[in-house]
Structure formats: structure tokens, C-alpha cells
Amino acid sequence: MPEEPLNLGEIVKDPKYSSTLIVESPEEAAARRDEAAQKAKHKRTVHFVILTFALVMVFLIFLGCIFEFQTGSVDDKKWAGAIVASICTAFLGFVAGQRLD
């Protein structure tokens, strides 16, 4: 049984459907774009600060492990080597998982 084609003209005339068109002024559009730009800049700044802090902490831990690996006992070398390997693996996973937008 063939179905009847959809007639959008009848749907628009139906009182339970309504549509409105709101046009913003150029000033409102400029303000909205400016606010969006400020929010995006703030988000990038926060992301950069957090990433920088995390990288500095990981780098310091990495240096501490390298120092322990060179000067520590056999047990110290075991955990230092494991931590260095984990840091390197996490770094590779982080780099591979980055989006290039």
C-alpha cells in the first residue's frame, strides 16, 4: 500500500505547530560573539594552566626517578624503572589521543 507524500503546507496550517523567527540586532550578535570568544579564551587558559602544572609535576617525578635509578639500591631501581616506564607510556597515550582540530 503506497503512502501519501508528506504535505508540509498542511502541517504548517495545523494550530498545534507554531514557529517564530527572532532576528537579533547587529549589536546583540556582536555581544554574543564577544562573550563566546571570552569564554573560549578562558577555557583555553584554564586548560593550559592545568596542563602546565601536570607536566611540571610529572617532569619532577620523572627526574626524581631517574636520580633514584642512578644512585639508589636495587629495590629503588625497580620501582623507579616502573614509574619511568609508566610515565613514558602515559605520555605516548596522551600524544596519540590528542585531537588535531
PDB file of N, CA and C in Angstrom:
ATOM      1  N   MET A   1       0.847  -1.171   0.000  1.00  0.00           N
ATOM      2  CA  MET A   1       0.000   0.000   0.000  1.00  0.00           C
ATOM      3  C   MET A   1       0.891   1.232   0.000  1.00  0.00           C
ATOM      4  N   PRO A   2       0.822   2.041  -1.038  1.00  0.00           N
ATOM      5  CA  PRO A   2       1.672   3.243  -1.101  1.00  0.00           C
ATOM      6  C   PRO A   2       1.198   4.306  -0.112  1.00  0.00           C
ATOM      7  N   GLU A   3       2.167   4.942   0.524  1.00  0.00           N
ATOM      8  CA  GLU A   3       1.847   6.008   1.480  1.00  0.00           C
ATOM      9  C   GLU A   3       1.732   7.333   0.739  1.00  0.00           C
ATOM     10  N   GLU A   4       0.900   8.204   1.298  1.00  0.00           N
ATOM     11  CA  GLU A   4       0.748   9.522   0.693  1.00  0.00           C
ATOM     12  C   GLU A   4       1.972  10.369   1.023  1.00  0.00           C
ATOM     13  N   PRO A   5       2.393  11.204   0.099  1.00  0.00           N
ATOM     14  CA  PRO A   5       3.548  12.055   0.388  1.00  0.00           C
ATOM     15  C   PRO A   5       3.207  13.074   1.476  1.00  0.00           C
ATOM     16  N   LEU A   6       4.211  13.462   2.199  1.00  0.00           N
ATOM     17  CA  LEU A   6       4.052  14.417   3.295  1.00  0.00           C
ATOM     18  C   LEU A   6       3.851  15.814   2.723  1.00  0.00           C
ATOM     19  N   ASN A   7       2.788  16.461   3.136  1.00  0.00           N
ATOM     20  CA  ASN A   7       2.483  17.808   2.664  1.00  0.00           C
ATOM     21  C   ASN A   7       2.809  18.787   3.790  1.00  0.00           C
ATOM     22  N   LEU A   8       3.919  19.498   3.651  1.00  0.00           N
ATOM     23  CA  LEU A   8       4.337  20.435   4.698  1.00  0.00           C
ATOM     24  C   LEU A   8       3.397  21.623   4.810  1.00  0.00           C
ATOM     25  N   GLY A   9       2.724  21.989   3.747  1.00  0.00           N
ATOM     26  CA  GLY A   9       1.777  23.098   3.791  1.00  0.00           C
ATOM     27  C   GLY A   9       0.639  22.828   4.756  1.00  0.00           C
ATOM     28  N   GLU A  10       0.171  21.593   4.837  1.00  0.00           N
ATOM     29  CA  GLU A  10      -0.900  21.244   5.775  1.00  0.00           C
ATOM     30  C   GLU A  10      -0.400  21.226   7.217  1.00  0.00           C
ATOM     31  N   ILE A  11       0.829  20.784   7.393  1.00  0.00           N
ATOM     32  CA  ILE A  11       1.384  20.738   8.752  1.00  0.00           C
ATOM     33  C   ILE A  11       1.558  22.153   9.295  1.00  0.00           C
ATOM     34  N   VAL A  12       1.987  23.074   8.473  1.00  0.00           N
ATOM     35  CA  VAL A  12       2.192  24.450   8.921  1.00  0.00           C
ATOM     36  C   VAL A  12       0.870  25.090   9.321  1.00  0.00           C
ATOM     37  N   LYS A  13      -0.204  24.752   8.645  1.00  0.00           N
ATOM     38  CA  LYS A  13      -1.511  25.333   8.958  1.00  0.00           C
ATOM     39  C   LYS A  13      -2.119  24.759  10.231  1.00  0.00           C
ATOM     40  N   ASP A  14      -1.609  23.625  10.698  1.00  0.00           N
ATOM     41  CA  ASP A  14      -2.142  22.995  11.901  1.00  0.00           C
ATOM     42  C   ASP A  14      -1.859  23.891  13.109  1.00  0.00           C
ATOM     43  N   PRO A  15      -2.875  24.199  13.947  1.00  0.00           N
ATOM     44  CA  PRO A  15      -2.667  25.134  15.066  1.00  0.00           C
ATOM     45  C   PRO A  15      -1.757  24.598  16.171  1.00  0.00           C
ATOM     46  N   LYS A  16      -1.535  23.300  16.263  1.00  0.00           N
ATOM     47  CA  LYS A  16      -0.684  22.795  17.343  1.00  0.00           C
ATOM     48  C   LYS A  16       0.814  22.959  17.032  1.00  0.00           C
ATOM     49  N   TYR A  17       1.146  23.340  15.814  1.00  0.00           N
ATOM     50  CA  TYR A  17       2.527  23.633  15.449  1.00  0.00           C
ATOM     51  C   TYR A  17       2.664  25.131  15.209  1.00  0.00           C
ATOM     52  N   SER A  18       3.697  25.692  15.767  1.00  0.00           N
ATOM     53  CA  SER A  18       3.931  27.116  15.544  1.00  0.00           C
ATOM     54  C   SER A  18       5.439  27.342  15.413  1.00  0.00           C
ATOM     55  N   SER A  19       5.763  28.391  14.760  1.00  0.00           N
ATOM     56  CA  SER A  19       7.169  28.741  14.623  1.00  0.00           C
ATOM     57  C   SER A  19       7.297  30.254  14.712  1.00  0.00           C
ATOM     58  N   THR A  20       8.418  30.669  15.257  1.00  0.00           N
ATOM     59  CA  THR A  20       8.699  32.090  15.345  1.00  0.00           C
ATOM     60  C   THR A  20      10.121  32.316  14.854  1.00  0.00           C
ATOM     61  N   LEU A  21      10.340  33.439  14.300  1.00  0.00           N
ATOM     62  CA  LEU A  21      11.654  33.811  13.807  1.00  0.00           C
ATOM     63  C   LEU A  21      12.103  35.046  14.575  1.00  0.00           C
ATOM     64  N   ILE A  22      13.208  34.895  15.292  1.00  0.00           N
ATOM     65  CA  ILE A  22      13.736  36.004  16.078  1.00  0.00           C
ATOM     66  C   ILE A  22      15.047  36.435  15.438  1.00  0.00           C
ATOM     67  N   VAL A  23      15.093  37.667  15.036  1.00  0.00           N
ATOM     68  CA  VAL A  23      16.301  38.210  14.417  1.00  0.00           C
ATOM     69  C   VAL A  23      16.966  39.119  15.442  1.00  0.00           C
ATOM     70  N   GLU A  24      18.241  38.833  15.716  1.00  0.00           N
ATOM     71  CA  GLU A  24      18.943  39.671  16.676  1.00  0.00           C
ATOM     72  C   GLU A  24      19.594  40.852  15.952  1.00  0.00           C
ATOM     73  N   SER A  25      19.724  41.909  16.696  1.00  0.00           N
ATOM     74  CA  SER A  25      20.327  43.104  16.108  1.00  0.00           C
ATOM     75  C   SER A  25      21.836  42.882  15.948  1.00  0.00           C
ATOM     76  N   PRO A  26      22.475  43.678  15.123  1.00  0.00           N
ATOM     77  CA  PRO A  26      23.934  43.531  14.965  1.00  0.00           C
ATOM     78  C   PRO A  26      24.692  43.715  16.283  1.00  0.00           C
ATOM     79  N   GLU A  27      24.193  44.604  17.146  1.00  0.00           N
ATOM     80  CA  GLU A  27      24.852  44.813  18.443  1.00  0.00           C
ATOM     81  C   GLU A  27      24.737  43.570  19.305  1.00  0.00           C
ATOM     82  N   GLU A  28      23.541  42.957  19.312  1.00  0.00           N
ATOM     83  CA  GLU A  28      23.357  41.737  20.100  1.00  0.00           C
ATOM     84  C   GLU A  28      24.221  40.603  19.556  1.00  0.00           C
ATOM     85  N   ALA A  29      24.297  40.492  18.244  1.00  0.00           N
ATOM     86  CA  ALA A  29      25.126  39.454  17.635  1.00  0.00           C
ATOM     87  C   ALA A  29      26.601  39.661  17.980  1.00  0.00           C
ATOM     88  N   ALA A  30      27.049  40.917  17.921  1.00  0.00           N
ATOM     89  CA  ALA A  30      28.445  41.210  18.255  1.00  0.00           C
ATOM     90  C   ALA A  30      28.722  40.906  19.723  1.00  0.00           C
ATOM     91  N   ALA A  31      27.779  41.243  20.606  1.00  0.00           N
ATOM     92  CA  ALA A  31      27.946  40.964  22.037  1.00  0.00           C
ATOM     93  C   ALA A  31      27.980  39.464  22.291  1.00  0.00           C
ATOM     94  N   ARG A  32      27.126  38.716  21.602  1.00  0.00           N
ATOM     95  CA  ARG A  32      27.093  37.263  21.771  1.00  0.00           C
ATOM     96  C   ARG A  32      28.403  36.634  21.299  1.00  0.00           C
ATOM     97  N   ARG A  33      28.909  37.096  20.145  1.00  0.00           N
ATOM     98  CA  ARG A  33      30.181  36.567  19.639  1.00  0.00           C
ATOM     99  C   ARG A  33      31.340  36.935  20.563  1.00  0.00           C
ATOM    100  N   ASP A  34      31.319  38.157  21.103  1.00  0.00           N
ATOM    101  CA  ASP A  34      32.367  38.590  22.024  1.00  0.00           C
ATOM    102  C   ASP A  34      32.352  37.744  23.298  1.00  0.00           C
ATOM    103  N   GLU A  35      31.155  37.484  23.811  1.00  0.00           N
ATOM    104  CA  GLU A  35      31.039  36.661  25.020  1.00  0.00           C
ATOM    105  C   GLU A  35      31.526  35.236  24.750  1.00  0.00           C
ATOM    106  N   ALA A  36      31.182  34.700  23.598  1.00  0.00           N
ATOM    107  CA  ALA A  36      31.634  33.352  23.244  1.00  0.00           C
ATOM    108  C   ALA A  36      33.153  33.314  23.107  1.00  0.00           C
ATOM    109  N   ALA A  37      33.731  34.352  22.541  1.00  0.00           N
ATOM    110  CA  ALA A  37      35.188  34.415  22.387  1.00  0.00           C
ATOM    111  C   ALA A  37      35.877  34.499  23.757  1.00  0.00           C
ATOM    112  N   GLN A  38      35.292  35.285  24.670  1.00  0.00           N
ATOM    113  CA  GLN A  38      35.867  35.391  26.012  1.00  0.00           C
ATOM    114  C   GLN A  38      35.789  34.065  26.759  1.00  0.00           C
ATOM    115  N   LYS A  39      34.666  33.376  26.630  1.00  0.00           N
ATOM    116  CA  LYS A  39      34.522  32.064  27.285  1.00  0.00           C
ATOM    117  C   LYS A  39      35.524  31.068  26.715  1.00  0.00           C
ATOM    118  N   ALA A  40      35.712  31.086  25.410  1.00  0.00           N
ATOM    119  CA  ALA A  40      36.660  30.169  24.775  1.00  0.00           C
ATOM    120  C   ALA A  40      38.087  30.477  25.221  1.00  0.00           C
ATOM    121  N   LYS A  41      38.414  31.772  25.326  1.00  0.00           N
ATOM    122  CA  LYS A  41      39.756  32.152  25.777  1.00  0.00           C
ATOM    123  C   LYS A  41      39.984  31.709  27.219  1.00  0.00           C
ATOM    124  N   HIS A  42      38.983  31.886  28.071  1.00  0.00           N
ATOM    125  CA  HIS A  42      39.097  31.463  29.469  1.00  0.00           C
ATOM    126  C   HIS A  42      39.271  29.946  29.554  1.00  0.00           C
ATOM    127  N   LYS A  43      38.521  29.214  28.759  1.00  0.00           N
ATOM    128  CA  LYS A  43      38.621  27.755  28.767  1.00  0.00           C
ATOM    129  C   LYS A  43      40.013  27.307  28.320  1.00  0.00           C
ATOM    130  N   ARG A  44      40.556  27.948  27.284  1.00  0.00           N
ATOM    131  CA  ARG A  44      41.905  27.609  26.822  1.00  0.00           C
ATOM    132  C   ARG A  44      42.949  27.945  27.884  1.00  0.00           C
ATOM    133  N   THR A  45      42.769  29.072  28.577  1.00  0.00           N
ATOM    134  CA  THR A  45      43.716  29.465  29.623  1.00  0.00           C
ATOM    135  C   THR A  45      43.707  28.468  30.770  1.00  0.00           C
ATOM    136  N   VAL A  46      42.519  28.083  31.216  1.00  0.00           N
ATOM    137  CA  VAL A  46      42.412  27.110  32.311  1.00  0.00           C
ATOM    138  C   VAL A  46      43.030  25.782  31.889  1.00  0.00           C
ATOM    139  N   HIS A  47      42.734  25.340  30.673  1.00  0.00           N
ATOM    140  CA  HIS A  47      43.303  24.085  30.178  1.00  0.00           C
ATOM    141  C   HIS A  47      44.826  24.168  30.127  1.00  0.00           C
ATOM    142  N   PHE A  48      45.361  25.288  29.677  1.00  0.00           N
ATOM    143  CA  PHE A  48      46.806  25.463  29.597  1.00  0.00           C
ATOM    144  C   PHE A  48      47.450  25.436  30.984  1.00  0.00           C
ATOM    145  N   VAL A  49      46.849  26.119  31.958  1.00  0.00           N
ATOM    146  CA  VAL A  49      47.406  26.156  33.317  1.00  0.00           C
ATOM    147  C   VAL A  49      47.409  24.762  33.929  1.00  0.00           C
ATOM    148  N   ILE A  50      46.316  24.045  33.784  1.00  0.00           N
ATOM    149  CA  ILE A  50      46.241  22.695  34.352  1.00  0.00           C
ATOM    150  C   ILE A  50      47.246  21.774  33.669  1.00  0.00           C
ATOM    151  N   LEU A  51      47.330  21.849  32.363  1.00  0.00           N
ATOM    152  CA  LEU A  51      48.272  21.008  31.625  1.00  0.00           C
ATOM    153  C   LEU A  51      49.711  21.339  32.003  1.00  0.00           C
ATOM    154  N   THR A  52      50.032  22.618  32.133  1.00  0.00           N
ATOM    155  CA  THR A  52      51.386  23.019  32.510  1.00  0.00           C
ATOM    156  C   THR A  52      51.737  22.510  33.908  1.00  0.00           C
ATOM    157  N   PHE A  53      50.802  22.666  34.852  1.00  0.00           N
ATOM    158  CA  PHE A  53      51.044  22.171  36.212  1.00  0.00           C
ATOM    159  C   PHE A  53      51.263  20.658  36.207  1.00  0.00           C
ATOM    160  N   ALA A  54      50.432  19.942  35.481  1.00  0.00           N
ATOM    161  CA  ALA A  54      50.567  18.488  35.438  1.00  0.00           C
ATOM    162  C   ALA A  54      51.890  18.077  34.798  1.00  0.00           C
ATOM    163  N   LEU A  55      52.274  18.748  33.726  1.00  0.00           N
ATOM    164  CA  LEU A  55      53.538  18.403  33.070  1.00  0.00           C
ATOM    165  C   LEU A  55      54.738  18.705  33.959  1.00  0.00           C
ATOM    166  N   VAL A  56      54.697  19.814  34.691  1.00  0.00           N
ATOM    167  CA  VAL A  56      55.795  20.136  35.612  1.00  0.00           C
ATOM    168  C   VAL A  56      55.893  19.084  36.709  1.00  0.00           C
ATOM    169  N   MET A  57      54.752  18.687  37.276  1.00  0.00           N
ATOM    170  CA  MET A  57      54.767  17.670  38.336  1.00  0.00           C
ATOM    171  C   MET A  57      55.297  16.338  37.803  1.00  0.00           C
ATOM    172  N   VAL A  58      54.837  15.925  36.653  1.00  0.00           N
ATOM    173  CA  VAL A  58      55.296  14.660  36.075  1.00  0.00           C
ATOM    174  C   VAL A  58      56.784  14.739  35.747  1.00  0.00           C
ATOM    175  N   PHE A  59      57.237  15.872  35.242  1.00  0.00           N
ATOM    176  CA  PHE A  59      58.659  16.035  34.930  1.00  0.00           C
ATOM    177  C   PHE A  59      59.507  15.943  36.198  1.00  0.00           C
ATOM    178  N   LEU A  60      59.052  16.564  37.278  1.00  0.00           N
ATOM    179  CA  LEU A  60      59.804  16.484  38.543  1.00  0.00           C
ATOM    180  C   LEU A  60      59.847  15.055  39.071  1.00  0.00           C
ATOM    181  N   ILE A  61      58.735  14.356  38.989  1.00  0.00           N
ATOM    182  CA  ILE A  61      58.716  12.959  39.421  1.00  0.00           C
ATOM    183  C   ILE A  61      59.635  12.125  38.533  1.00  0.00           C
ATOM    184  N   PHE A  62      59.609  12.398  37.234  1.00  0.00           N
ATOM    185  CA  PHE A  62      60.479  11.698  36.290  1.00  0.00           C
ATOM    186  C   PHE A  62      61.942  11.919  36.652  1.00  0.00           C
ATOM    187  N   LEU A  63      62.319  13.170  36.932  1.00  0.00           N
ATOM    188  CA  LEU A  63      63.708  13.454  37.312  1.00  0.00           C
ATOM    189  C   LEU A  63      64.085  12.755  38.618  1.00  0.00           C
ATOM    190  N   GLY A  64      63.168  12.757  39.574  1.00  0.00           N
ATOM    191  CA  GLY A  64      63.432  12.057  40.832  1.00  0.00           C
ATOM    192  C   GLY A  64      63.640  10.566  40.614  1.00  0.00           C
ATOM    193  N   CYS A  65      62.856   9.981  39.754  1.00  0.00           N
ATOM    194  CA  CYS A  65      63.013   8.554  39.464  1.00  0.00           C
ATOM    195  C   CYS A  65      64.334   8.273  38.741  1.00  0.00           C
ATOM    196  N   ILE A  66      64.710   9.129  37.829  1.00  0.00           N
ATOM    197  CA  ILE A  66      65.994   8.956  37.133  1.00  0.00           C
ATOM    198  C   ILE A  66      67.150   9.055  38.127  1.00  0.00           C
ATOM    199  N   PHE A  67      67.056  10.014  39.049  1.00  0.00           N
ATOM    200  CA  PHE A  67      68.083  10.145  40.078  1.00  0.00           C
ATOM    201  C   PHE A  67      68.149   8.889  40.945  1.00  0.00           C
ATOM    202  N   GLU A  68      66.983   8.385  41.369  1.00  0.00           N
ATOM    203  CA  GLU A  68      66.950   7.169  42.183  1.00  0.00           C
ATOM    204  C   GLU A  68      67.457   5.968  41.384  1.00  0.00           C
ATOM    205  N   PHE A  69      67.158   5.943  40.106  1.00  0.00           N
ATOM    206  CA  PHE A  69      67.602   4.831  39.269  1.00  0.00           C
ATOM    207  C   PHE A  69      69.119   4.815  39.166  1.00  0.00           C
ATOM    208  N   GLN A  70      69.751   5.979  39.187  1.00  0.00           N
ATOM    209  CA  GLN A  70      71.208   6.043  39.085  1.00  0.00           C
ATOM    210  C   GLN A  70      71.901   5.820  40.422  1.00  0.00           C
ATOM    211  N   THR A  71      71.298   6.293  41.519  1.00  0.00           N
ATOM    212  CA  THR A  71      72.010   6.272  42.798  1.00  0.00           C
ATOM    213  C   THR A  71      71.397   5.340  43.836  1.00  0.00           C
ATOM    214  N   GLY A  72      70.220   4.810  43.586  1.00  0.00           N
ATOM    215  CA  GLY A  72      69.527   4.040  44.616  1.00  0.00           C
ATOM    216  C   GLY A  72      69.937   2.580  44.674  1.00  0.00           C
ATOM    217  N   SER A  73      69.302   1.885  45.626  1.00  0.00           N
ATOM    218  CA  SER A  73      69.556   0.454  45.786  1.00  0.00           C
ATOM    219  C   SER A  73      68.791  -0.326  44.717  1.00  0.00           C
ATOM    220  N   VAL A  74      68.902  -1.636  44.766  1.00  0.00           N
ATOM    221  CA  VAL A  74      68.252  -2.484  43.773  1.00  0.00           C
ATOM    222  C   VAL A  74      66.736  -2.334  43.844  1.00  0.00           C
ATOM    223  N   ASP A  75      66.179  -2.291  45.061  1.00  0.00           N
ATOM    224  CA  ASP A  75      64.727  -2.112  45.204  1.00  0.00           C
ATOM    225  C   ASP A  75      64.278  -0.744  44.694  1.00  0.00           C
ATOM    226  N   ASP A  76      65.084   0.276  44.965  1.00  0.00           N
ATOM    227  CA  ASP A  76      64.750   1.615  44.469  1.00  0.00           C
ATOM    228  C   ASP A  76      64.761   1.657  42.946  1.00  0.00           C
ATOM    229  N   LYS A  77      65.715   0.955  42.352  1.00  0.00           N
ATOM    230  CA  LYS A  77      65.797   0.931  40.896  1.00  0.00           C
ATOM    231  C   LYS A  77      64.572   0.238  40.281  1.00  0.00           C
ATOM    232  N   LYS A  78      64.044  -0.765  40.973  1.00  0.00           N
ATOM    233  CA  LYS A  78      62.868  -1.473  40.457  1.00  0.00           C
ATOM    234  C   LYS A  78      61.661  -0.545  40.371  1.00  0.00           C
ATOM    235  N   TRP A  79      61.355   0.138  41.492  1.00  0.00           N
ATOM    236  CA  TRP A  79      60.159   0.990  41.447  1.00  0.00           C
ATOM    237  C   TRP A  79      60.394   2.234  40.606  1.00  0.00           C
ATOM    238  N   ALA A  80      61.635   2.747  40.587  1.00  0.00           N
ATOM    239  CA  ALA A  80      61.917   3.922  39.761  1.00  0.00           C
ATOM    240  C   ALA A  80      61.772   3.572  38.278  1.00  0.00           C
ATOM    241  N   GLY A  81      62.268   2.408  37.888  1.00  0.00           N
ATOM    242  CA  GLY A  81      62.129   1.982  36.498  1.00  0.00           C
ATOM    243  C   GLY A  81      60.676   1.768  36.108  1.00  0.00           C
ATOM    244  N   ALA A  82      59.894   1.218  37.017  1.00  0.00           N
ATOM    245  CA  ALA A  82      58.468   1.011  36.735  1.00  0.00           C
ATOM    246  C   ALA A  82      57.740   2.345  36.587  1.00  0.00           C
ATOM    247  N   ILE A  83      58.062   3.300  37.434  1.00  0.00           N
ATOM    248  CA  ILE A  83      57.406   4.609  37.351  1.00  0.00           C
ATOM    249  C   ILE A  83      57.818   5.335  36.074  1.00  0.00           C
ATOM    250  N   VAL A  84      59.089   5.268  35.706  1.00  0.00           N
ATOM    251  CA  VAL A  84      59.545   5.907  34.467  1.00  0.00           C
ATOM    252  C   VAL A  84      58.851   5.268  33.265  1.00  0.00           C
ATOM    253  N   ALA A  85      58.737   3.955  33.272  1.00  0.00           N
ATOM    254  CA  ALA A  85      58.046   3.274  32.170  1.00  0.00           C
ATOM    255  C   ALA A  85      56.581   3.679  32.112  1.00  0.00           C
ATOM    256  N   SER A  86      55.938   3.822  33.265  1.00  0.00           N
ATOM    257  CA  SER A  86      54.538   4.250  33.296  1.00  0.00           C
ATOM    258  C   SER A  86      54.373   5.678  32.780  1.00  0.00           C
ATOM    259  N   ILE A  87      55.286   6.546  33.162  1.00  0.00           N
ATOM    260  CA  ILE A  87      55.228   7.936  32.691  1.00  0.00           C
ATOM    261  C   ILE A  87      55.402   7.987  31.179  1.00  0.00           C
ATOM    262  N   CYS A  88      56.351   7.228  30.655  1.00  0.00           N
ATOM    263  CA  CYS A  88      56.579   7.216  29.198  1.00  0.00           C
ATOM    264  C   CYS A  88      55.360   6.653  28.465  1.00  0.00           C
ATOM    265  N   THR A  89      54.763   5.600  29.006  1.00  0.00           N
ATOM    266  CA  THR A  89      53.576   5.021  28.386  1.00  0.00           C
ATOM    267  C   THR A  89      52.408   5.999  28.418  1.00  0.00           C
ATOM    268  N   ALA A  90      52.218   6.662  29.543  1.00  0.00           N
ATOM    269  CA  ALA A  90      51.137   7.646  29.645  1.00  0.00           C
ATOM    270  C   ALA A  90      51.357   8.809  28.688  1.00  0.00           C
ATOM    271  N   PHE A  91      52.594   9.248  28.558  1.00  0.00           N
ATOM    272  CA  PHE A  91      52.898  10.338  27.627  1.00  0.00           C
ATOM    273  C   PHE A  91      52.580   9.930  26.191  1.00  0.00           C
ATOM    274  N   LEU A  92      52.972   8.732  25.806  1.00  0.00           N
ATOM    275  CA  LEU A  92      52.670   8.260  24.447  1.00  0.00           C
ATOM    276  C   LEU A  92      51.162   8.143  24.229  1.00  0.00           C
ATOM    277  N   GLY A  93      50.435   7.664  25.230  1.00  0.00           N
ATOM    278  CA  GLY A  93      48.976   7.587  25.122  1.00  0.00           C
ATOM    279  C   GLY A  93      48.352   8.962  25.026  1.00  0.00           C
ATOM    280  N   PHE A  94      48.878   9.924  25.756  1.00  0.00           N
ATOM    281  CA  PHE A  94      48.367  11.295  25.711  1.00  0.00           C
ATOM    282  C   PHE A  94      48.587  11.912  24.336  1.00  0.00           C
ATOM    283  N   VAL A  95      49.784  11.731  23.799  1.00  0.00           N
ATOM    284  CA  VAL A  95      50.108  12.306  22.493  1.00  0.00           C
ATOM    285  C   VAL A  95      49.267  11.634  21.402  1.00  0.00           C
ATOM    286  N   ALA A  96      49.111  10.340  21.473  1.00  0.00           N
ATOM    287  CA  ALA A  96      48.343   9.615  20.457  1.00  0.00           C
ATOM    288  C   ALA A  96      46.866   9.940  20.541  1.00  0.00           C
ATOM    289  N   GLY A  97      46.376  10.299  21.713  1.00  0.00           N
ATOM    290  CA  GLY A  97      44.958  10.565  21.886  1.00  0.00           C
ATOM    291  C   GLY A  97      44.548  12.001  21.628  1.00  0.00           C
ATOM    292  N   GLN A  98      45.478  12.884  21.323  1.00  0.00           N
ATOM    293  CA  GLN A  98      45.142  14.285  21.101  1.00  0.00           C
ATOM    294  C   GLN A  98      44.407  14.455  19.776  1.00  0.00           C
ATOM    295  N   ARG A  99      43.368  15.266  19.791  1.00  0.00           N
ATOM    296  CA  ARG A  99      42.650  15.597  18.562  1.00  0.00           C
ATOM    297  C   ARG A  99      43.373  16.743  17.872  1.00  0.00           C
ATOM    298  N   LEU A 100      43.389  16.705  16.586  1.00  0.00           N
ATOM    299  CA  LEU A 100      44.036  17.769  15.815  1.00  0.00           C
ATOM    300  C   LEU A 100      42.973  18.590  15.124  1.00  0.00           C
ATOM    301  N   ASP A 101      42.210  19.340  15.904  1.00  0.00           N
ATOM    302  CA  ASP A 101      41.138  20.173  15.343  1.00  0.00           C
ATOM    303  C   ASP A 101      41.684  21.458  14.806  1.00  0.00           C
TER     304      ASP A 101
END
